[in-house]
Protein backbone atom coordinates (compact mmCIF):
# COMPACT_ATOMS: atom_id res chain seq x y z
CA MET A 1 124.95 113.51 80.59
CA VAL A 2 128.10 115.13 81.46
CA GLU A 3 127.71 119.02 81.93
CA GLY A 4 131.11 120.08 82.62
CA TYR A 5 134.40 119.29 84.66
CA SER A 6 137.44 120.87 86.02
CA ALA A 7 140.57 120.14 87.37
CA TRP A 8 141.92 121.07 90.84
CA ASN A 9 145.19 119.92 92.19
CA GLY A 10 145.43 117.13 89.84
CA ALA A 11 142.20 115.76 90.71
CA PHE A 12 139.15 116.06 88.29
CA VAL A 13 135.63 117.17 89.64
CA LEU A 14 132.99 115.89 87.68
CA SER A 15 129.39 117.37 87.41
CA VAL A 16 126.58 114.77 86.17
CA SER A 17 123.10 115.40 85.73
CA SER A 18 120.61 112.97 84.92
CA THR A 19 117.07 113.44 83.58
CA LEU A 20 114.23 111.06 83.02
CA GLY A 21 112.58 112.54 80.02
CA VAL A 22 109.39 113.59 81.88
CA ASP A 23 108.22 117.18 81.48
CA GLU A 24 107.37 119.49 84.16
CA ILE A 25 103.49 119.43 83.18
CA ASP A 26 101.71 116.62 84.70
CA LEU A 27 98.06 115.52 85.52
CA SER A 28 99.13 115.91 89.25
CA ASN A 29 96.08 118.41 89.64
CA LEU A 30 93.49 116.07 87.68
CA LYS A 31 90.18 115.62 89.50
CA ILE A 32 87.67 112.81 89.44
CA TYR A 33 84.30 113.19 91.11
CA PRO A 34 82.05 112.22 92.53
CA ASN A 35 84.48 109.46 93.86
CA PRO A 36 83.02 107.32 95.31
CA THR A 37 80.13 107.47 92.99
CA ASP A 38 76.72 105.95 92.73
CA GLY A 39 75.76 107.59 89.60
CA ASN A 40 76.04 106.98 85.89
CA TYR A 41 78.78 109.40 85.19
CA VAL A 42 81.89 110.73 86.79
CA THR A 43 83.50 114.11 85.96
CA ILE A 44 87.17 114.29 84.79
CA LYS A 45 88.68 117.70 84.94
CA SER A 46 92.27 117.82 83.42
CA PRO A 47 94.73 120.80 83.91
CA ILE A 48 95.77 119.98 80.25
CA GLY A 49 93.13 120.48 77.40
CA GLY A 50 92.57 117.84 74.82
CA ASP A 51 90.83 114.44 74.57
CA LYS A 52 91.08 112.02 77.57
CA GLN A 53 91.71 108.35 76.75
CA ILE A 54 90.18 106.34 79.53
CA GLU A 55 90.86 102.68 80.74
CA LEU A 56 89.08 101.16 83.46
CA PHE A 57 90.91 98.19 85.29
CA ASP A 58 88.99 95.80 87.99
CA ILE A 59 90.94 94.60 90.79
CA ASN A 60 91.99 91.49 88.91
CA GLY A 61 93.79 93.83 86.34
CA ARG A 62 91.27 93.03 83.66
CA ARG A 63 90.44 96.32 81.41
CA VAL A 64 86.30 96.72 81.68
CA LEU A 65 86.16 99.90 79.91
CA SER A 66 88.50 101.76 77.05
CA THR A 67 87.17 104.84 75.70
CA THR A 68 88.09 108.39 74.41
CA ILE A 69 86.15 111.62 75.70
CA SER A 70 86.51 114.99 74.38
CA GLY A 71 84.74 116.84 77.39
CA ASP A 72 84.58 116.07 81.13
CA MET A 73 82.02 113.49 81.39
CA LEU A 74 82.70 109.89 81.45
CA ASP A 75 79.86 107.43 81.08
CA ILE A 76 80.25 104.56 83.73
CA SER A 77 76.50 102.98 83.55
CA SER A 78 77.83 100.00 82.06
CA VAL A 79 80.32 99.35 84.68
CA ASN A 80 79.20 97.06 87.86
CA THR A 81 79.97 98.37 91.31
CA GLY A 82 83.20 97.91 92.69
CA PHE A 83 86.82 99.15 92.97
CA TYR A 84 88.63 100.08 89.99
CA MET A 85 91.84 101.64 88.90
CA ILE A 86 91.35 104.35 86.29
CA LYS A 87 94.31 105.34 83.96
CA ILE A 88 93.56 108.64 82.09
CA THR A 89 95.86 109.83 79.44
CA VAL A 90 95.83 113.41 78.03
CA ASN A 91 98.23 114.57 75.24
CA ASP A 92 100.71 111.67 76.43
CA TYR A 93 100.65 112.61 80.08
CA GLN A 94 99.09 109.82 82.34
CA LYS A 95 97.74 109.48 85.52
CA VAL A 96 96.50 106.40 87.26
CA SER A 97 93.80 106.86 90.14
CA LYS A 98 91.36 104.65 92.14
CA LEU A 99 87.73 104.86 91.52
CA ILE A 100 85.02 103.33 93.56
CA ILE A 101 81.44 102.76 92.04
CA LYS A 102 78.69 102.12 94.52
């Protein structure tokens, strides 16, 4: 996007800005605890309100859990111990974090 231009001694000075379409609100302050965990639940606290779409992937990239939660508690009782990547989406904002289940 060209914001403006000006002429100076026959030369044009061009001012260019670029945006990625990413809003300033993000999930960088999202908290998952306890992590690592040895229980049946983890708590997911988000700075943004709304339902949380959760996807859990094993180290081979296979999705092992896909669910939506309206609160903060995620039931992981059906998931085996191991190292996982957890993708959390809240109102079109996403964060991927690691989750270790003992």
